[in-house]
Protein backbone atom coordinates (compact mmCIF):
# COMPACT_ATOMS: atom_id res chain seq x y z
CA MET A 1 -17.15 -11.45 2.54
CA GLN A 2 -18.82 -9.63 5.42
CA ILE A 3 -15.57 -9.59 7.41
CA TYR A 4 -13.83 -7.72 4.57
CA PHE A 5 -16.62 -5.16 4.52
CA LEU A 6 -16.37 -4.74 8.29
CA ILE A 7 -12.57 -4.29 8.11
CA ALA A 8 -12.94 -1.74 5.29
CA LEU A 9 -15.56 0.13 7.31
CA VAL A 10 -13.28 0.30 10.37
CA ILE A 11 -10.36 1.55 8.23
CA ALA A 12 -12.59 4.20 6.63
CA LEU A 13 -13.74 5.31 10.08
CA VAL A 14 -10.14 5.60 11.31
CA ILE A 15 -9.19 7.65 8.22
CA ALA A 16 -12.20 9.93 8.70
CA ILE A 17 -11.35 10.50 12.38
CA LEU A 18 -7.72 11.21 11.46
CA ALA A 19 -8.79 13.70 8.82
CA VAL A 20 -11.29 15.52 11.04
CA GLN A 21 -8.84 15.80 13.97
CA ASN A 22 -6.17 17.40 11.73
CA PRO A 23 -7.86 20.43 10.14
CA SER A 24 -4.65 22.43 9.68
CA VAL A 25 -3.43 23.94 6.42
CA VAL A 26 -0.20 22.62 4.90
CA SER A 27 1.97 23.32 1.89
CA LEU A 28 2.26 20.27 -0.36
CA ARG A 29 5.34 19.74 -2.53
CA PHE A 30 5.95 16.71 -4.77
CA LEU A 31 8.92 16.69 -7.16
CA PHE A 32 8.37 19.87 -9.25
CA TRP A 33 4.74 20.35 -8.24
CA GLU A 34 3.62 22.56 -5.35
CA MET A 35 0.23 23.32 -3.80
CA PRO A 36 0.44 25.96 -1.07
CA ASN A 37 -2.27 26.27 1.58
CA THR A 38 -3.81 22.85 1.10
CA SER A 39 -6.14 21.47 3.76
CA LEU A 40 -4.68 18.44 5.51
CA VAL A 41 -8.17 16.89 5.55
CA MET A 42 -8.29 16.96 1.74
CA LEU A 43 -4.76 15.55 1.54
CA ILE A 44 -5.59 12.62 3.83
CA LEU A 45 -8.90 11.84 2.12
CA GLY A 46 -7.35 12.21 -1.35
CA SER A 47 -4.52 9.84 -0.44
CA ALA A 48 -6.97 7.27 0.92
CA LEU A 49 -9.11 7.57 -2.22
CA GLY A 50 -6.05 7.19 -4.46
CA GLY A 51 -4.97 4.08 -2.56
CA GLY A 52 -8.47 2.61 -2.86
CA ILE A 53 -8.52 3.21 -6.61
CA ALA A 54 -5.08 1.57 -6.99
CA VAL A 55 -6.22 -1.51 -5.05
CA LEU A 56 -9.40 -1.68 -7.13
CA ALA A 57 -7.40 -1.54 -10.37
CA PHE A 58 -5.11 -4.39 -9.30
CA ASP A 59 -8.09 -6.43 -8.09
CA LEU A 60 -9.93 -5.97 -11.39
CA VAL A 61 -6.90 -7.31 -13.27
CA ARG A 62 -6.80 -10.33 -10.94
CA PHE A 63 -10.53 -11.02 -11.44
CA TRP A 64 -10.18 -10.69 -15.22
CA LYS A 65 -7.33 -13.23 -15.27
CA MET A 66 -9.31 -15.58 -13.02
CA GLY A 67 -12.37 -15.34 -15.29
CA THR A 68 -10.25 -16.09 -18.36
CA ARG A 69 -8.75 -19.13 -16.64
CA LEU A 70 -12.21 -20.30 -15.56
CA LYS A 71 -13.47 -20.15 -19.16
CA GLN A 72 -10.46 -22.18 -20.34
CA TYR A 73 -11.13 -24.83 -17.69
CA ALA A 74 -14.82 -24.97 -18.63
CA HIS A 75 -13.95 -25.52 -22.31
CA GLU A 76 -11.42 -28.21 -21.39
CA ASN A 77 -13.96 -29.90 -19.12
CA GLN A 78 -16.55 -29.93 -21.90
CA ARG A 79 -13.99 -31.34 -24.36
CA LEU A 80 -13.06 -34.14 -21.94
CA LYS A 81 -16.72 -34.97 -21.32
CA GLU A 82 -17.27 -35.27 -25.07
CA GLN A 83 -14.26 -37.60 -25.35
CA LEU A 84 -15.68 -39.80 -22.59
CA GLU A 85 -19.06 -39.94 -24.32
CA LYS A 86 -17.39 -40.93 -27.60
CA ALA A 87 -15.60 -43.74 -25.78
CA GLY A 88 -19.00 -45.02 -24.62
CA ARG A 89 -18.77 -44.01 -20.99
CA SER A 90 -20.70 -41.47 -19.00
CA PRO A 91 -18.63 -38.82 -17.18
CA GLY A 92 -19.35 -40.31 -13.71
CA GLU A 93 -18.62 -43.89 -14.84
CA GLU A 94 -14.84 -43.32 -14.97
CA SER A 95 -14.53 -42.62 -11.23
CA ARG A 96 -16.80 -45.53 -10.23
CA ALA A 97 -14.78 -47.97 -12.34
CA GLY A 98 -11.55 -46.79 -10.73
CA LYS A 99 -12.96 -47.27 -7.20
CA ALA A 100 -14.23 -50.78 -8.01
CA SER A 101 -10.79 -51.95 -9.12
CA LEU A 102 -9.21 -50.81 -5.82
């Protein structure tokens, strides 16, 4: 986890240096939208921020799906443990019995 933080910090530093070294004013046009006399620094930082928000949104969806799957597996695990207990075996007994027969 620390390596990801370090990589993100280096990327943020590179973006900040790029923004500070390009202080010129540009005219921004996108489809039918136009912003004359926009600072290139604000454009670079805004683009980086927008990209970060997009990555965060996709990552949150992935974590939500993973959490849902984890809950399903936990419920299935509990159900299987209860079935083993009803059959008169403890949950660890199944694996020991299988190893003894080999």
